[in-house]
């Protein structure tokens, strides 16, 4: 038996134990088995079992080691994937920019597979465009812009297009991918060795994709890479959506924060305004309280100064009051850094007098003061200040003084807000001052009364009787106060408050028993304003007192006569049987006014117009009765005054019609329903038309063509007359060339309201310029009222019109003042004789009309003016006017006002301007 192999057995066993690979174990085991097979039988048997057991154990150990190694690889892969997903999730909340986030996503994918070349594409289904949010490719020299939106159809049949349209992952070389898609496949960009792309989904919608590609043969993508990239893609998509939601949330939080900040600012402003209001309210309460609690006027003035100092800068403050006769300015309180003493002075032209005279607040700085002085408005009085604010003290409608604050330091300047505040406070101070003065007067009266009572008490034993008399006097005062609350202080008649109370009771009784009828009379003295303005308010008050007494004396004692204010009275007559009874009472009142009124040394006459409203079931409030009686009174005035009128359905309809007319006027302006009608101006010698006068007409859709007398007064009352005029002027300018041809003129009428506008001339010239009309082709007609309304403004405007070549005619001459003073002051080109004088020509040469027109013609010729006669209706008038030397005229004899279409077939004569006849 050989023993030689036994010497190498330990070395093989040691190799077996050191082997770390399965093939090494198998090689060593084969050699060990061969060596054992060469031993003798006994030794071979013994070693065979032991060696096989050792080989099996070693193989088991290696198998366990390989399993552990595989598990370790999977664990490391899973750990890398977990770290990648954690990093992806972390990117959703980072503040970094989107390109930085995308770059980090790329780095994450590179840790999981070969991804040197990678891009992220986002799809917008609404616009069907894609954006390459991230693109990294070592072989592509022209990468797409990350912010550019590319139409998806421009990439039709490319792998990216198939990936988004198909919504399925694609992997492999391009020829293999071509077998995975439906339709053709078109390569885009550099040719790659292997390509892998997976979609990113939101539900069933593909919102983007991730693609990686390889240009190396040793770097290809497996199914495991595809699964891994699909898994990672969904996490990246979720992270991007969370990031988008986070960005949107931050944006909304920012917007909400800004909104809250703005709301907080507004709230703080409101709080400041509320605090200012509370301070102002507290100041007003304090002022009202001071009127009754101050020991003296000096203390009251000082307390007012402190209150104003709490509202604005008032280190320099004084109160100025007019003396009782209004000739002297007194300063009962003054605190000033420079002018320690302010002595009373005669009324002059200081800033304080400037405020009192104007009756409005004045806020000036140094330059404003200098300008006022240079203009001669004020003279310097006292030290110059940097800023000066004065407001008037007004009681009722009378200015009694002024409050003044001023600053000598540039850092303290007053604003318009300070002016409004001090003006508002001044009213309360004036009332408090009046109450304070009244309280002092009453206190002095009480003191004097108490002194006299004390003297009589000490001197006589009749103190108890005196006390009872005083108590009775106070009761009478209370009754008198109550009386004054419900009665007019001038006439002693009930006032509106008492009348309304009695009317309410009468209405309630009428509702309970409609047989208990009553009537309301609304009275207004005729021409009272003329009397009041001519002889003064004191005489006017005396007239009102006597008129009230006469009205009261014309009625029964149970009837209520009330003065409503001004020259208006009202009468409540209860338990009347019919309208006849009420009208008889109205006639009695009218008759009582016919006797002259003895007013001082003068006798004056007045009359009364009465409106009557009878109680009806539809009346609910007293004011409705007064309103209707007032309307009836205006009808009585319109019918000639000194009469009565009863409110009836006709008046109610007139009121409704007036309201409808005002509404229609507004609509007519919007619809352009006002048009010019033209009446020819004719040369009397041959009947040739030299021009036209444009007259406004309203093309009412229901009532047809309306003349100015049917709507002009309403238009002037509601303020639409000027807009209506300019609508007609625009139409006249647009039609002038067609109407006039190459010669002649067209006249438009301007009322006084147009001359109150400083831009009249410029507006007329702009109108003519728009329609290419020469200024010489336009004539302005004005009435004498325009000259008297604002002569300075009219003279200035007239000069501007003459300078531009626009002529002016004086319309309706002879019906007004016909003053020679303004005829020679204003450079007028023509006089238009009123039709009333032309009609008077029917009396022939012996009539007054003939003499008046001859005088006007002679006057016009002397002044170098042309004359136009209005209202010519027959040939007799025409011949007499020619005999008088009147060159031009207009009237129904030559044509009534007609629209443009009537006159365009008859062009005017070749006359540029009418020269006066000599």
Foldseek 3Di string as FASTA:
>chain_A
DDCVLVVCLVVLLVQCQVDLDPVSLVVSLVVNLVSLVPDDDVSSVVVVVVSVVSSVVSNVVNVVVVVVVVVVVVVVLVVLLVVLLVLLLVLLPDPDDLAVSVVVNQVSLVSNAPFQWKWKKFADPVQQWIAGCDGGDPQFPDDDDRVDTHRLVVCPQEPQNQCQVVQAKAKFAPVVSQVVGPDGHDYDTDHFHMKIKHFADDVPHTGIIMMGTHRDPVGGDDVVSNVSRNVSSNSNVVSNVSSVVVVVVVVVVVVVVVVVVVVVVVVVVVVVVVVLVVLLVVLLVVLLVLLPPPPDVVSSVVVNLVSLVVNAPFQWKWWWFAPPVRFKIQTPDTHHPFPHDDHIDGDDQAPFSVQQVVQAKDKDAPVRVVVCVVVVNGDDDDDHAGIKIKHFQDDPHHTGIIIIGTHRDPVGYDDVVSNVSVNVVSPSNSVSVVSSVVVVVVVVVVVVVVVVLVVCVVVDVCSVVVVVVVVVVVVVVVVVVVQVVQAPPLQSAGEPVVVQVVVLVQLVVCVVPVQWKKKKKKKAKPPLVVVCVPPHVVLSSVVLNVLQVLLCVLDDPPKGWYDHDDRMIMIIGIRDRDPVVVQVSVLSSQVSQQAWDCRPPDTDGIGMFMFMEIDDNVDDGPVVNVVQRVLQSVVSVVVPGSHYGYRDVVSVVVVVVLVVLLVQLVVCLVVLQKEWFWFFKAFLVPRFTQATETAIWGCRVPPGIDHCVVRVVSCVVVVNNVSSLVSHVLNCLQCVCLQAPPHHAYEYEDELVLLVDPCNLVVNVVSNVVSVHQLLRYEYEYEVCNCVVDVVSVQVVLVSSVVSNYAYEYECQPPPPNDPVVVLVHPHAEYEHHLVLLVQCVVPCPTPSLVVVLVVLVVCVVSFHAYEYEADDDVSSSVSCVVSQRGIYTHPNSHDGGDSVVRSVRHGDHDSDDTHGD
